[in-house]
Amino acid sequence: MKYVATLVCPLLFLAGCAAQTGIVRTGQDSYLLSKRGATGWSPIESLRVDVLQEAGQYCVSQGKSLNVTDETRSKPPYLLGNFPRVSIQFKCK
């Protein structure tokens, strides 16, 4: 039992973390933002809302509005590291 707890606890800690790229500039007024769920059970729509809100806030902070130019979502099945993921490319206009 002691060995199981030694293996499971670190895995649970790592599973609680979602990965996010942050806003990456890809060109003049063009940006990329991506977010991946912490597990295969992360709702992809909530990831999408998070990404759109962060991108929108970034554009508003520049006095501009969000213009999404491309969106990519991962496809199920969400197994073996293929966790739900949403990426958007956007411009602030």
PDB file of N, CA and C in Angstrom:
ATOM      1  N   MET A   1       0.830  -1.197   0.000  1.00  0.00           N
ATOM      2  CA  MET A   1       0.000   0.000   0.000  1.00  0.00           C
ATOM      3  C   MET A   1       0.871   1.255   0.000  1.00  0.00           C
ATOM      4  N   LYS A   2       1.972   1.179   0.722  1.00  0.00           N
ATOM      5  CA  LYS A   2       2.891   2.316   0.800  1.00  0.00           C
ATOM      6  C   LYS A   2       3.449   2.656  -0.584  1.00  0.00           C
ATOM      7  N   TYR A   3       3.743   1.607  -1.374  1.00  0.00           N
ATOM      8  CA  TYR A   3       4.306   1.821  -2.697  1.00  0.00           C
ATOM      9  C   TYR A   3       3.280   2.399  -3.661  1.00  0.00           C
ATOM     10  N   VAL A   4       2.040   1.991  -3.521  1.00  0.00           N
ATOM     11  CA  VAL A   4       0.968   2.521  -4.364  1.00  0.00           C
ATOM     12  C   VAL A   4       0.798   4.009  -4.114  1.00  0.00           C
ATOM     13  N   ALA A   5       0.801   4.430  -2.847  1.00  0.00           N
ATOM     14  CA  ALA A   5       0.659   5.845  -2.514  1.00  0.00           C
ATOM     15  C   ALA A   5       1.837   6.644  -3.050  1.00  0.00           C
ATOM     16  N   THR A   6       3.024   6.056  -3.049  1.00  0.00           N
ATOM     17  CA  THR A   6       4.210   6.733  -3.566  1.00  0.00           C
ATOM     18  C   THR A   6       4.079   6.986  -5.058  1.00  0.00           C
ATOM     19  N   LEU A   7       3.462   6.087  -5.782  1.00  0.00           N
ATOM     20  CA  LEU A   7       3.290   6.252  -7.229  1.00  0.00           C
ATOM     21  C   LEU A   7       2.085   7.114  -7.579  1.00  0.00           C
ATOM     22  N   VAL A   8       0.990   6.938  -6.876  1.00  0.00           N
ATOM     23  CA  VAL A   8      -0.259   7.600  -7.228  1.00  0.00           C
ATOM     24  C   VAL A   8      -0.245   9.085  -6.870  1.00  0.00           C
ATOM     25  N   CYS A   9       0.274   9.471  -5.743  1.00  0.00           N
ATOM     26  CA  CYS A   9       0.234  10.872  -5.314  1.00  0.00           C
ATOM     27  C   CYS A   9       0.905  11.821  -6.306  1.00  0.00           C
ATOM     28  N   PRO A  10       2.125  11.518  -6.781  1.00  0.00           N
ATOM     29  CA  PRO A  10       2.719  12.424  -7.773  1.00  0.00           C
ATOM     30  C   PRO A  10       1.929  12.484  -9.071  1.00  0.00           C
ATOM     31  N   LEU A  11       1.336  11.360  -9.477  1.00  0.00           N
ATOM     32  CA  LEU A  11       0.534  11.351 -10.703  1.00  0.00           C
ATOM     33  C   LEU A  11      -0.711  12.211 -10.559  1.00  0.00           C
ATOM     34  N   LEU A  12      -1.350  12.164  -9.410  1.00  0.00           N
ATOM     35  CA  LEU A  12      -2.519  13.007  -9.181  1.00  0.00           C
ATOM     36  C   LEU A  12      -2.142  14.472  -9.179  1.00  0.00           C
ATOM     37  N   PHE A  13      -0.988  14.787  -8.631  1.00  0.00           N
ATOM     38  CA  PHE A  13      -0.524  16.175  -8.635  1.00  0.00           C
ATOM     39  C   PHE A  13      -0.323  16.667 -10.059  1.00  0.00           C
ATOM     40  N   LEU A  14       0.326  15.871 -10.888  1.00  0.00           N
ATOM     41  CA  LEU A  14       0.574  16.265 -12.274  1.00  0.00           C
ATOM     42  C   LEU A  14      -0.713  16.333 -13.080  1.00  0.00           C
ATOM     43  N   ALA A  15      -1.663  15.470 -12.800  1.00  0.00           N
ATOM     44  CA  ALA A  15      -2.920  15.450 -13.545  1.00  0.00           C
ATOM     45  C   ALA A  15      -3.765  16.679 -13.252  1.00  0.00           C
ATOM     46  N   GLY A  16      -3.522  17.358 -12.158  1.00  0.00           N
ATOM     47  CA  GLY A  16      -4.299  18.533 -11.806  1.00  0.00           C
ATOM     48  C   GLY A  16      -3.879  19.785 -12.533  1.00  0.00           C
ATOM     49  N   CYS A  17      -2.897  19.711 -13.388  1.00  0.00           N
ATOM     50  CA  CYS A  17      -2.362  20.890 -14.058  1.00  0.00           C
ATOM     51  C   CYS A  17      -2.758  20.908 -15.528  1.00  0.00           C
ATOM     52  N   ALA A  18      -3.374  21.981 -15.956  1.00  0.00           N
ATOM     53  CA  ALA A  18      -3.661  22.158 -17.375  1.00  0.00           C
ATOM     54  C   ALA A  18      -2.476  22.888 -18.003  1.00  0.00           C
ATOM     55  N   ALA A  19      -2.203  22.578 -19.238  1.00  0.00           N
ATOM     56  CA  ALA A  19      -1.085  23.213 -19.930  1.00  0.00           C
ATOM     57  C   ALA A  19      -1.603  24.317 -20.838  1.00  0.00           C
ATOM     58  N   GLN A  20      -0.939  25.439 -20.806  1.00  0.00           N
ATOM     59  CA  GLN A  20      -1.335  26.571 -21.627  1.00  0.00           C
ATOM     60  C   GLN A  20      -0.081  27.224 -22.183  1.00  0.00           C
ATOM     61  N   THR A  21      -0.130  27.620 -23.445  1.00  0.00           N
ATOM     62  CA  THR A  21       1.044  28.211 -24.075  1.00  0.00           C
ATOM     63  C   THR A  21       1.261  29.653 -23.640  1.00  0.00           C
ATOM     64  N   GLY A  22       0.199  30.333 -23.256  1.00  0.00           N
ATOM     65  CA  GLY A  22       0.288  31.776 -23.131  1.00  0.00           C
ATOM     66  C   GLY A  22       0.132  32.352 -24.527  1.00  0.00           C
ATOM     67  N   ILE A  23       0.059  33.637 -24.627  1.00  0.00           N
ATOM     68  CA  ILE A  23      -0.138  34.269 -25.931  1.00  0.00           C
ATOM     69  C   ILE A  23       1.204  34.381 -26.631  1.00  0.00           C
ATOM     70  N   VAL A  24       1.271  33.811 -27.840  1.00  0.00           N
ATOM     71  CA  VAL A  24       2.502  33.778 -28.619  1.00  0.00           C
ATOM     72  C   VAL A  24       2.292  34.613 -29.876  1.00  0.00           C
ATOM     73  N   ARG A  25       3.164  35.572 -30.095  1.00  0.00           N
ATOM     74  CA  ARG A  25       3.081  36.404 -31.305  1.00  0.00           C
ATOM     75  C   ARG A  25       3.587  35.592 -32.490  1.00  0.00           C
ATOM     76  N   THR A  26       2.791  35.522 -33.545  1.00  0.00           N
ATOM     77  CA  THR A  26       3.164  34.747 -34.737  1.00  0.00           C
ATOM     78  C   THR A  26       3.407  35.623 -35.959  1.00  0.00           C
ATOM     79  N   GLY A  27       3.160  36.898 -35.840  1.00  0.00           N
ATOM     80  CA  GLY A  27       3.348  37.835 -36.947  1.00  0.00           C
ATOM     81  C   GLY A  27       2.879  39.210 -36.516  1.00  0.00           C
ATOM     82  N   GLN A  28       2.800  40.119 -37.464  1.00  0.00           N
ATOM     83  CA  GLN A  28       2.344  41.462 -37.142  1.00  0.00           C
ATOM     84  C   GLN A  28       0.858  41.407 -36.780  1.00  0.00           C
ATOM     85  N   ASP A  29       0.549  41.712 -35.539  1.00  0.00           N
ATOM     86  CA  ASP A  29      -0.819  41.684 -35.015  1.00  0.00           C
ATOM     87  C   ASP A  29      -1.469  40.305 -35.093  1.00  0.00           C
ATOM     88  N   SER A  30      -0.686  39.239 -35.183  1.00  0.00           N
ATOM     89  CA  SER A  30      -1.213  37.871 -35.203  1.00  0.00           C
ATOM     90  C   SER A  30      -0.669  37.117 -33.997  1.00  0.00           C
ATOM     91  N   TYR A  31      -1.541  36.316 -33.384  1.00  0.00           N
ATOM     92  CA  TYR A  31      -1.170  35.631 -32.147  1.00  0.00           C
ATOM     93  C   TYR A  31      -1.723  34.217 -32.142  1.00  0.00           C
ATOM     94  N   LEU A  32      -1.158  33.385 -31.268  1.00  0.00           N
ATOM     95  CA  LEU A  32      -1.594  32.011 -31.063  1.00  0.00           C
ATOM     96  C   LEU A  32      -1.771  31.793 -29.567  1.00  0.00           C
ATOM     97  N   LEU A  33      -2.833  31.083 -29.198  1.00  0.00           N
ATOM     98  CA  LEU A  33      -3.077  30.727 -27.811  1.00  0.00           C
ATOM     99  C   LEU A  33      -3.640  29.315 -27.794  1.00  0.00           C
ATOM    100  N   SER A  34      -3.075  28.454 -26.943  1.00  0.00           N
ATOM    101  CA  SER A  34      -3.483  27.070 -26.873  1.00  0.00           C
ATOM    102  C   SER A  34      -3.616  26.651 -25.421  1.00  0.00           C
ATOM    103  N   LYS A  35      -4.586  25.796 -25.152  1.00  0.00           N
ATOM    104  CA  LYS A  35      -4.779  25.273 -23.805  1.00  0.00           C
ATOM    105  C   LYS A  35      -5.170  23.809 -23.899  1.00  0.00           C
ATOM    106  N   ARG A  36      -4.550  22.984 -23.041  1.00  0.00           N
ATOM    107  CA  ARG A  36      -4.823  21.554 -23.003  1.00  0.00           C
ATOM    108  C   ARG A  36      -5.368  21.188 -21.640  1.00  0.00           C
ATOM    109  N   GLY A  37      -6.366  20.334 -21.618  1.00  0.00           N
ATOM    110  CA  GLY A  37      -6.945  19.882 -20.363  1.00  0.00           C
ATOM    111  C   GLY A  37      -5.976  19.034 -19.566  1.00  0.00           C
ATOM    112  N   ALA A  38      -6.188  18.979 -18.275  1.00  0.00           N
ATOM    113  CA  ALA A  38      -5.314  18.219 -17.385  1.00  0.00           C
ATOM    114  C   ALA A  38      -5.543  16.715 -17.493  1.00  0.00           C
ATOM    115  N   THR A  39      -6.730  16.316 -17.908  1.00  0.00           N
ATOM    116  CA  THR A  39      -7.075  14.903 -18.038  1.00  0.00           C
ATOM    117  C   THR A  39      -7.920  14.711 -19.287  1.00  0.00           C
ATOM    118  N   GLY A  40      -8.219  13.476 -19.595  1.00  0.00           N
ATOM    119  CA  GLY A  40      -9.095  13.173 -20.720  1.00  0.00           C
ATOM    120  C   GLY A  40     -10.545  13.542 -20.456  1.00  0.00           C
ATOM    121  N   TRP A  41     -10.858  13.889 -19.213  1.00  0.00           N
ATOM    122  CA  TRP A  41     -12.236  14.240 -18.851  1.00  0.00           C
ATOM    123  C   TRP A  41     -12.451  15.739 -18.782  1.00  0.00           C
ATOM    124  N   SER A  42     -11.496  16.532 -19.174  1.00  0.00           N
ATOM    125  CA  SER A  42     -11.663  17.990 -19.182  1.00  0.00           C
ATOM    126  C   SER A  42     -12.628  18.364 -20.304  1.00  0.00           C
ATOM    127  N   PRO A  43     -13.664  19.148 -20.000  1.00  0.00           N
ATOM    128  CA  PRO A  43     -14.620  19.524 -21.053  1.00  0.00           C
ATOM    129  C   PRO A  43     -13.972  20.467 -22.069  1.00  0.00           C
ATOM    130  N   ILE A  44     -14.015  20.077 -23.318  1.00  0.00           N
ATOM    131  CA  ILE A  44     -13.354  20.868 -24.359  1.00  0.00           C
ATOM    132  C   ILE A  44     -13.998  22.244 -24.514  1.00  0.00           C
ATOM    133  N   GLU A  45     -15.293  22.347 -24.270  1.00  0.00           N
ATOM    134  CA  GLU A  45     -15.963  23.653 -24.394  1.00  0.00           C
ATOM    135  C   GLU A  45     -15.489  24.637 -23.329  1.00  0.00           C
ATOM    136  N   SER A  46     -15.192  24.148 -22.131  1.00  0.00           N
ATOM    137  CA  SER A  46     -14.688  25.065 -21.099  1.00  0.00           C
ATOM    138  C   SER A  46     -13.278  25.529 -21.444  1.00  0.00           C
ATOM    139  N   LEU A  47     -12.483  24.669 -22.074  1.00  0.00           N
ATOM    140  CA  LEU A  47     -11.159  25.086 -22.539  1.00  0.00           C
ATOM    141  C   LEU A  47     -11.300  26.171 -23.610  1.00  0.00           C
ATOM    142  N   ARG A  48     -12.269  25.974 -24.500  1.00  0.00           N
ATOM    143  CA  ARG A  48     -12.510  26.950 -25.572  1.00  0.00           C
ATOM    144  C   ARG A  48     -12.915  28.306 -24.992  1.00  0.00           C
ATOM    145  N   VAL A  49     -13.792  28.295 -24.014  1.00  0.00           N
ATOM    146  CA  VAL A  49     -14.228  29.541 -23.376  1.00  0.00           C
ATOM    147  C   VAL A  49     -13.036  30.236 -22.705  1.00  0.00           C
ATOM    148  N   ASP A  50     -12.203  29.468 -22.005  1.00  0.00           N
ATOM    149  CA  ASP A  50     -11.028  30.044 -21.344  1.00  0.00           C
ATOM    150  C   ASP A  50     -10.091  30.716 -22.346  1.00  0.00           C
ATOM    151  N   VAL A  51      -9.844  30.027 -23.457  1.00  0.00           N
ATOM    152  CA  VAL A  51      -8.935  30.555 -24.479  1.00  0.00           C
ATOM    153  C   VAL A  51      -9.519  31.828 -25.101  1.00  0.00           C
ATOM    154  N   LEU A  52     -10.798  31.811 -25.428  1.00  0.00           N
ATOM    155  CA  LEU A  52     -11.425  32.985 -26.028  1.00  0.00           C
ATOM    156  C   LEU A  52     -11.460  34.170 -25.059  1.00  0.00           C
ATOM    157  N   GLN A  53     -11.712  33.898 -23.781  1.00  0.00           N
ATOM    158  CA  GLN A  53     -11.729  34.981 -22.799  1.00  0.00           C
ATOM    159  C   GLN A  53     -10.344  35.599 -22.641  1.00  0.00           C
ATOM    160  N   GLU A  54      -9.310  34.766 -22.550  1.00  0.00           N
ATOM    161  CA  GLU A  54      -7.958  35.314 -22.390  1.00  0.00           C
ATOM    162  C   GLU A  54      -7.534  36.116 -23.616  1.00  0.00           C
ATOM    163  N   ALA A  55      -7.826  35.599 -24.806  1.00  0.00           N
ATOM    164  CA  ALA A  55      -7.480  36.321 -26.024  1.00  0.00           C
ATOM    165  C   ALA A  55      -8.259  37.639 -26.106  1.00  0.00           C
ATOM    166  N   GLY A  56      -9.535  37.594 -25.732  1.00  0.00           N
ATOM    167  CA  GLY A  56     -10.352  38.809 -25.740  1.00  0.00           C
ATOM    168  C   GLY A  56      -9.834  39.852 -24.768  1.00  0.00           C
ATOM    169  N   GLN A  57      -9.441  39.417 -23.580  1.00  0.00           N
ATOM    170  CA  GLN A  57      -8.892  40.348 -22.591  1.00  0.00           C
ATOM    171  C   GLN A  57      -7.590  40.963 -23.083  1.00  0.00           C
ATOM    172  N   TYR A  58      -6.779  40.166 -23.760  1.00  0.00           N
ATOM    173  CA  TYR A  58      -5.516  40.670 -24.301  1.00  0.00           C
ATOM    174  C   TYR A  58      -5.774  41.776 -25.325  1.00  0.00           C
ATOM    175  N   CYS A  59      -6.726  41.535 -26.221  1.00  0.00           N
ATOM    176  CA  CYS A  59      -7.039  42.542 -27.243  1.00  0.00           C
ATOM    177  C   CYS A  59      -7.660  43.794 -26.621  1.00  0.00           C
ATOM    178  N   VAL A  60      -8.539  43.624 -25.655  1.00  0.00           N
ATOM    179  CA  VAL A  60      -9.171  44.769 -24.981  1.00  0.00           C
ATOM    180  C   VAL A  60      -8.118  45.608 -24.268  1.00  0.00           C
ATOM    181  N   SER A  61      -7.105  44.949 -23.700  1.00  0.00           N
ATOM    182  CA  SER A  61      -6.042  45.691 -23.004  1.00  0.00           C
ATOM    183  C   SER A  61      -5.253  46.571 -23.972  1.00  0.00           C
ATOM    184  N   GLN A  62      -5.322  46.260 -25.256  1.00  0.00           N
ATOM    185  CA  GLN A  62      -4.669  47.070 -26.289  1.00  0.00           C
ATOM    186  C   GLN A  62      -5.642  48.054 -26.942  1.00  0.00           C
ATOM    187  N   GLY A  63      -6.876  48.087 -26.445  1.00  0.00           N
ATOM    188  CA  GLY A  63      -7.885  48.977 -27.008  1.00  0.00           C
ATOM    189  C   GLY A  63      -8.436  48.472 -28.334  1.00  0.00           C
ATOM    190  N   LYS A  64      -8.354  47.163 -28.556  1.00  0.00           N
ATOM    191  CA  LYS A  64      -8.816  46.576 -29.811  1.00  0.00           C
ATOM    192  C   LYS A  64      -9.798  45.455 -29.510  1.00  0.00           C
ATOM    193  N   SER A  65     -10.348  44.860 -30.567  1.00  0.00           N
ATOM    194  CA  SER A  65     -11.276  43.740 -30.372  1.00  0.00           C
ATOM    195  C   SER A  65     -10.698  42.459 -30.981  1.00  0.00           C
ATOM    196  N   LEU A  66     -11.190  41.343 -30.498  1.00  0.00           N
ATOM    197  CA  LEU A  66     -10.702  40.028 -30.895  1.00  0.00           C
ATOM    198  C   LEU A  66     -11.268  39.613 -32.246  1.00  0.00           C
ATOM    199  N   ASN A  67     -10.402  39.095 -33.113  1.00  0.00           N
ATOM    200  CA  ASN A  67     -10.804  38.545 -34.401  1.00  0.00           C
ATOM    201  C   ASN A  67     -10.132  37.176 -34.537  1.00  0.00           C
ATOM    202  N   VAL A  68     -10.887  36.090 -34.311  1.00  0.00           N
ATOM    203  CA  VAL A  68     -10.342  34.740 -34.408  1.00  0.00           C
ATOM    204  C   VAL A  68     -10.213  34.380 -35.883  1.00  0.00           C
ATOM    205  N   THR A  69      -9.005  33.997 -36.295  1.00  0.00           N
ATOM    206  CA  THR A  69      -8.769  33.654 -37.699  1.00  0.00           C
ATOM    207  C   THR A  69      -8.745  32.147 -37.942  1.00  0.00           C
ATOM    208  N   ASP A  70      -8.458  31.351 -36.895  1.00  0.00           N
ATOM    209  CA  ASP A  70      -8.449  29.895 -37.033  1.00  0.00           C
ATOM    210  C   ASP A  70      -8.612  29.257 -35.657  1.00  0.00           C
ATOM    211  N   GLU A  71      -9.262  28.120 -35.623  1.00  0.00           N
ATOM    212  CA  GLU A  71      -9.452  27.384 -34.368  1.00  0.00           C
ATOM    213  C   GLU A  71      -9.245  25.900 -34.635  1.00  0.00           C
ATOM    214  N   THR A  72      -8.516  25.243 -33.739  1.00  0.00           N
ATOM    215  CA  THR A  72      -8.258  23.816 -33.840  1.00  0.00           C
ATOM    216  C   THR A  72      -8.612  23.155 -32.525  1.00  0.00           C
ATOM    217  N   ARG A  73      -9.327  22.027 -32.603  1.00  0.00           N
ATOM    218  CA  ARG A  73      -9.675  21.248 -31.413  1.00  0.00           C
ATOM    219  C   ARG A  73      -9.154  19.827 -31.597  1.00  0.00           C
ATOM    220  N   SER A  74      -8.676  19.237 -30.502  1.00  0.00           N
ATOM    221  CA  SER A  74      -8.236  17.848 -30.575  1.00  0.00           C
ATOM    222  C   SER A  74      -9.458  16.945 -30.750  1.00  0.00           C
ATOM    223  N   LYS A  75      -9.216  15.797 -31.323  1.00  0.00           N
ATOM    224  CA  LYS A  75     -10.291  14.840 -31.597  1.00  0.00           C
ATOM    225  C   LYS A  75     -10.213  13.673 -30.621  1.00  0.00           C
ATOM    226  N   PRO A  76     -11.368  13.164 -30.163  1.00  0.00           N
ATOM    227  CA  PRO A  76     -11.368  11.990 -29.304  1.00  0.00           C
ATOM    228  C   PRO A  76     -10.933  10.756 -30.093  1.00  0.00           C
ATOM    229  N   PRO A  77     -10.556   9.686 -29.460  1.00  0.00           N
ATOM    230  CA  PRO A  77     -10.648   9.412 -28.034  1.00  0.00           C
ATOM    231  C   PRO A  77      -9.519  10.095 -27.264  1.00  0.00           C
ATOM    232  N   TYR A  78      -9.832  10.541 -26.082  1.00  0.00           N
ATOM    233  CA  TYR A  78      -8.873  11.237 -25.235  1.00  0.00           C
ATOM    234  C   TYR A  78      -8.192  10.225 -24.321  1.00  0.00           C
ATOM    235  N   LEU A  79      -7.205   9.529 -24.883  1.00  0.00           N
ATOM    236  CA  LEU A  79      -6.477   8.485 -24.174  1.00  0.00           C
ATOM    237  C   LEU A  79      -4.973   8.687 -24.330  1.00  0.00           C
ATOM    238  N   LEU A  80      -4.218   8.188 -23.384  1.00  0.00           N
ATOM    239  CA  LEU A  80      -2.762   8.118 -23.477  1.00  0.00           C
ATOM    240  C   LEU A  80      -2.117   9.443 -23.868  1.00  0.00           C
ATOM    241  N   GLY A  81      -2.495  10.501 -23.200  1.00  0.00           N
ATOM    242  CA  GLY A  81      -1.878  11.801 -23.440  1.00  0.00           C
ATOM    243  C   GLY A  81      -2.576  12.649 -24.482  1.00  0.00           C
ATOM    244  N   ASN A  82      -3.508  12.094 -25.227  1.00  0.00           N
ATOM    245  CA  ASN A  82      -4.288  12.893 -26.171  1.00  0.00           C
ATOM    246  C   ASN A  82      -5.446  13.521 -25.401  1.00  0.00           C
ATOM    247  N   PHE A  83      -5.129  14.550 -24.622  1.00  0.00           N
ATOM    248  CA  PHE A  83      -6.138  15.213 -23.812  1.00  0.00           C
ATOM    249  C   PHE A  83      -6.832  16.289 -24.637  1.00  0.00           C
ATOM    250  N   PRO A  84      -8.036  16.702 -24.232  1.00  0.00           N
ATOM    251  CA  PRO A  84      -8.725  17.774 -24.943  1.00  0.00           C
ATOM    252  C   PRO A  84      -7.829  19.009 -25.053  1.00  0.00           C
ATOM    253  N   ARG A  85      -7.801  19.613 -26.236  1.00  0.00           N
ATOM    254  CA  ARG A  85      -6.926  20.757 -26.490  1.00  0.00           C
ATOM    255  C   ARG A  85      -7.606  21.696 -27.478  1.00  0.00           C
ATOM    256  N   VAL A  86      -7.511  22.980 -27.217  1.00  0.00           N
ATOM    257  CA  VAL A  86      -8.054  23.998 -28.108  1.00  0.00           C
ATOM    258  C   VAL A  86      -6.948  24.998 -28.404  1.00  0.00           C
ATOM    259  N   SER A  87      -6.756  25.310 -29.679  1.00  0.00           N
ATOM    260  CA  SER A  87      -5.800  26.325 -30.099  1.00  0.00           C
ATOM    261  C   SER A  87      -6.524  27.324 -30.980  1.00  0.00           C
ATOM    262  N   ILE A  88      -6.244  28.602 -30.779  1.00  0.00           N
ATOM    263  CA  ILE A  88      -6.801  29.617 -31.677  1.00  0.00           C
ATOM    264  C   ILE A  88      -5.672  30.499 -32.199  1.00  0.00           C
ATOM    265  N   GLN A  89      -5.845  30.932 -33.414  1.00  0.00           N
ATOM    266  CA  GLN A  89      -5.009  31.973 -33.983  1.00  0.00           C
ATOM    267  C   GLN A  89      -5.912  33.182 -34.079  1.00  0.00           C
ATOM    268  N   PHE A  90      -5.391  34.341 -33.705  1.00  0.00           N
ATOM    269  CA  PHE A  90      -6.245  35.514 -33.693  1.00  0.00           C
ATOM    270  C   PHE A  90      -5.450  36.775 -33.988  1.00  0.00           C
ATOM    271  N   LYS A  91      -6.219  37.824 -34.265  1.00  0.00           N
ATOM    272  CA  LYS A  91      -5.672  39.164 -34.465  1.00  0.00           C
ATOM    273  C   LYS A  91      -6.433  40.123 -33.566  1.00  0.00           C
ATOM    274  N   CYS A  92      -5.783  41.177 -33.198  1.00  0.00           N
ATOM    275  CA  CYS A  92      -6.433  42.244 -32.448  1.00  0.00           C
ATOM    276  C   CYS A  92      -6.629  43.399 -33.415  1.00  0.00           C
ATOM    277  N   LYS A  93      -7.887  43.741 -33.671  1.00  0.00           N
ATOM    278  CA  LYS A  93      -8.177  44.822 -34.628  1.00  0.00           C
ATOM    279  C   LYS A  93      -8.936  45.928 -33.964  1.00  0.00           C
TER     280      LYS A  93
END
